[in-house]
Amino acid sequence: MIIEVWTKDKYSGSEEAGLLARLTRAGLDIKTARLSRLYKIEAPWTKKDFDRLAAELLTDKITEHYSLSKRPAPHFGRFGKSAGPGVKGGWRAEVWLKNSATDVIGESVKEAIHDMLGRSPANVRFGRAYYTACGGEAKLRAAVAKTLMNEVVNVCGITRIKD
């Protein structure tokens, strides 16, 4: 199960401005960008267990939202404002550590899950998702490779966001 956590619009300005600046410096022509954290938890548990982990362990109820599938796609309006679900021409880039790399965040979350539930998942991996409306997959892949990942230890998957 993948749990995706993102900061509510009211509080996300500075983190999204930082992401926007990094991607712009890498040569990507964009006006807005969104990001989230991903937790891949491998365990044969119920949806209720994963909901509890997301709500009580992995998110701050005041400043964050979560989803057990994928974040509802941000909408990048004419002036780059978030205006609800759906995005035309948008892209989602997921960056994960390779399985051969030690995931200290994943290990820490695994221990916290054990402390909370009294049982451990088989594995926990941490990643990030980046959303943007930009010129295309190749340009986004180059910008992500240049600024948001290390190709020696990370893997990146890019998908087009469907309306």
Protein backbone atom coordinates (compact mmCIF):
# COMPACT_ATOMS: atom_id res chain seq x y z
CA MET A 1 0.00 0.00 0.00
CA ILE A 2 1.26 3.46 -0.84
CA ILE A 3 0.26 6.31 1.45
CA GLU A 4 0.68 9.76 -0.09
CA VAL A 5 0.92 12.79 2.22
CA TRP A 6 0.92 16.43 1.14
CA THR A 7 0.75 19.83 2.80
CA LYS A 8 -2.57 21.68 2.65
CA ASP A 9 -2.60 24.62 0.22
CA LYS A 10 -2.81 27.12 3.09
CA TYR A 11 0.59 25.98 4.40
CA SER A 12 2.43 24.76 1.30
CA GLY A 13 3.65 28.05 -0.18
CA SER A 14 7.27 27.98 0.91
CA GLU A 15 7.96 24.31 0.13
CA GLU A 16 6.36 24.64 -3.29
CA ALA A 17 8.24 27.89 -3.98
CA GLY A 18 11.48 26.07 -3.19
CA LEU A 19 10.60 23.22 -5.56
CA LEU A 20 9.60 25.69 -8.26
CA ALA A 21 12.90 27.57 -7.89
CA ARG A 22 14.95 24.35 -8.16
CA LEU A 23 13.11 23.16 -11.27
CA THR A 24 13.29 26.59 -12.88
CA ARG A 25 17.06 26.77 -12.28
CA ALA A 26 17.31 23.37 -13.96
CA GLY A 27 15.82 24.88 -17.11
CA LEU A 28 12.17 23.82 -16.75
CA ASP A 29 9.71 26.51 -17.87
CA ILE A 30 6.97 26.25 -15.24
CA LYS A 31 4.85 28.57 -13.15
CA THR A 32 3.80 26.20 -10.35
CA ALA A 33 4.66 22.85 -8.82
CA ARG A 34 3.31 20.62 -6.07
CA LEU A 35 4.97 17.89 -4.03
CA SER A 36 4.14 15.10 -1.61
CA ARG A 37 5.73 12.35 0.46
CA LEU A 38 5.21 8.67 -0.36
CA TYR A 39 5.35 5.74 2.03
CA LYS A 40 5.25 2.27 0.48
CA ILE A 41 4.27 -0.11 3.26
CA GLU A 42 4.37 -3.82 2.48
CA ALA A 43 2.04 -5.62 4.87
CA PRO A 44 -1.08 -7.83 4.57
CA TRP A 45 -3.20 -5.45 6.62
CA THR A 46 -6.68 -3.99 6.22
CA LYS A 47 -7.52 -0.60 4.77
CA LYS A 48 -8.52 0.42 8.30
CA ASP A 49 -4.98 -0.29 9.54
CA PHE A 50 -3.45 1.81 6.75
CA ASP A 51 -5.95 4.62 7.37
CA ARG A 52 -4.97 4.63 11.03
CA LEU A 53 -1.25 4.77 10.18
CA ALA A 54 -1.80 7.61 7.75
CA ALA A 55 -4.07 9.63 10.04
CA GLU A 56 -2.31 9.07 13.36
CA LEU A 57 1.34 8.54 12.47
CA LEU A 58 2.28 9.94 9.08
CA THR A 59 0.30 13.19 8.88
CA ASP A 60 -0.17 16.34 10.90
CA LYS A 61 -3.95 16.76 11.09
CA ILE A 62 -3.72 20.54 11.01
CA THR A 63 -1.38 21.06 8.06
CA GLU A 64 -1.54 17.89 5.93
CA HIS A 65 -3.82 15.59 3.93
CA TYR A 66 -3.28 11.97 2.93
CA SER A 67 -4.55 9.45 0.43
CA LEU A 68 -4.26 5.67 0.28
CA SER A 69 -4.21 5.72 -3.50
CA LYS A 70 -2.83 8.86 -5.12
CA ARG A 71 -3.13 12.49 -4.31
CA PRO A 72 -6.02 14.05 -6.19
CA ALA A 73 -4.25 15.75 -9.10
CA PRO A 74 -3.67 19.45 -8.53
CA HIS A 75 -5.21 21.75 -11.11
CA PHE A 76 -2.84 24.29 -12.56
CA GLY A 77 -5.02 27.15 -13.67
CA ARG A 78 -4.12 29.93 -16.07
CA PHE A 79 -2.09 31.75 -13.45
CA GLY A 80 -0.73 28.73 -11.63
CA LYS A 81 -3.28 28.70 -8.80
CA SER A 82 -4.51 25.43 -7.36
CA ALA A 83 -8.17 25.27 -8.31
CA GLY A 84 -9.33 21.71 -7.64
CA PRO A 85 -8.92 18.28 -9.20
CA GLY A 86 -7.83 17.65 -12.76
CA VAL A 87 -4.89 19.11 -14.63
CA LYS A 88 -4.36 19.49 -18.36
CA GLY A 89 -0.87 18.78 -19.54
CA GLY A 90 0.30 17.85 -16.05
CA TRP A 91 2.98 15.37 -15.06
CA ARG A 92 3.71 13.34 -11.92
CA ALA A 93 7.29 12.33 -11.16
CA GLU A 94 7.93 9.74 -8.44
CA VAL A 95 11.42 9.49 -6.97
CA TRP A 96 12.32 6.48 -4.81
CA LEU A 97 15.53 5.07 -3.42
CA LYS A 98 16.69 1.97 -5.26
CA ASN A 99 16.04 -1.26 -3.37
CA SER A 100 19.80 -1.67 -2.96
CA ALA A 101 20.07 1.66 -1.09
CA THR A 102 19.51 1.91 2.66
CA ASP A 103 16.30 3.82 3.37
CA VAL A 104 16.76 5.37 6.82
CA ILE A 105 13.40 7.13 6.71
CA GLY A 106 11.70 3.87 5.74
CA GLU A 107 13.44 2.03 8.60
CA SER A 108 12.45 4.75 11.06
CA VAL A 109 8.81 4.60 9.93
CA LYS A 110 8.88 0.80 10.14
CA GLU A 111 9.98 1.04 13.80
CA ALA A 112 7.31 3.68 14.54
CA ILE A 113 4.65 1.43 12.98
CA HIS A 114 5.78 -1.43 15.23
CA ASP A 115 5.58 0.85 18.27
CA MET A 116 2.08 1.96 17.28
CA LEU A 117 0.50 -1.31 16.12
CA GLY A 118 2.62 -3.88 17.92
CA ARG A 119 3.54 -5.55 14.63
CA SER A 120 5.95 -4.68 11.83
CA PRO A 121 5.40 -4.51 8.09
CA ALA A 122 7.70 -6.58 5.89
CA ASN A 123 9.21 -3.42 4.40
CA VAL A 124 8.74 0.37 4.28
CA ARG A 125 10.19 2.61 1.56
CA PHE A 126 10.09 6.40 1.41
CA GLY A 127 9.77 8.48 -1.75
CA ARG A 128 8.54 11.76 -3.12
CA ALA A 129 6.03 12.72 -5.79
CA TYR A 130 6.34 15.95 -7.77
CA TYR A 131 3.50 17.44 -9.79
CA THR A 132 3.91 20.08 -12.46
CA ALA A 133 2.52 21.34 -15.74
CA CYS A 134 5.50 21.68 -18.06
CA GLY A 135 6.73 21.27 -21.62
CA GLY A 136 6.90 17.50 -21.61
CA GLU A 137 8.25 14.32 -20.10
CA ALA A 138 11.80 14.62 -21.45
CA LYS A 139 12.25 18.14 -20.07
CA LEU A 140 10.80 17.14 -16.70
CA ARG A 141 12.97 14.01 -16.52
CA ALA A 142 16.10 16.10 -17.19
CA ALA A 143 15.17 18.68 -14.54
CA VAL A 144 14.36 16.01 -11.95
CA ALA A 145 17.60 14.16 -12.68
CA LYS A 146 19.55 17.40 -12.33
CA THR A 147 17.96 18.71 -9.13
CA LEU A 148 15.80 16.21 -7.25
CA MET A 149 17.61 12.88 -7.39
CA ASN A 150 20.94 11.11 -7.54
CA GLU A 151 20.80 8.53 -10.32
CA VAL A 152 23.26 6.29 -8.44
CA VAL A 153 20.81 5.69 -5.58
CA ASN A 154 17.40 6.86 -6.89
CA VAL A 155 14.92 5.74 -9.53
CA CYS A 156 12.36 8.02 -11.15
CA GLY A 157 9.08 7.25 -12.86
CA ILE A 158 7.13 9.90 -14.74
CA THR A 159 3.47 9.66 -15.72
CA ARG A 160 1.06 12.00 -17.42
CA ILE A 161 -1.83 13.14 -15.23
CA LYS A 162 -5.14 12.34 -16.88
CA ASP A 163 -8.08 14.73 -16.69
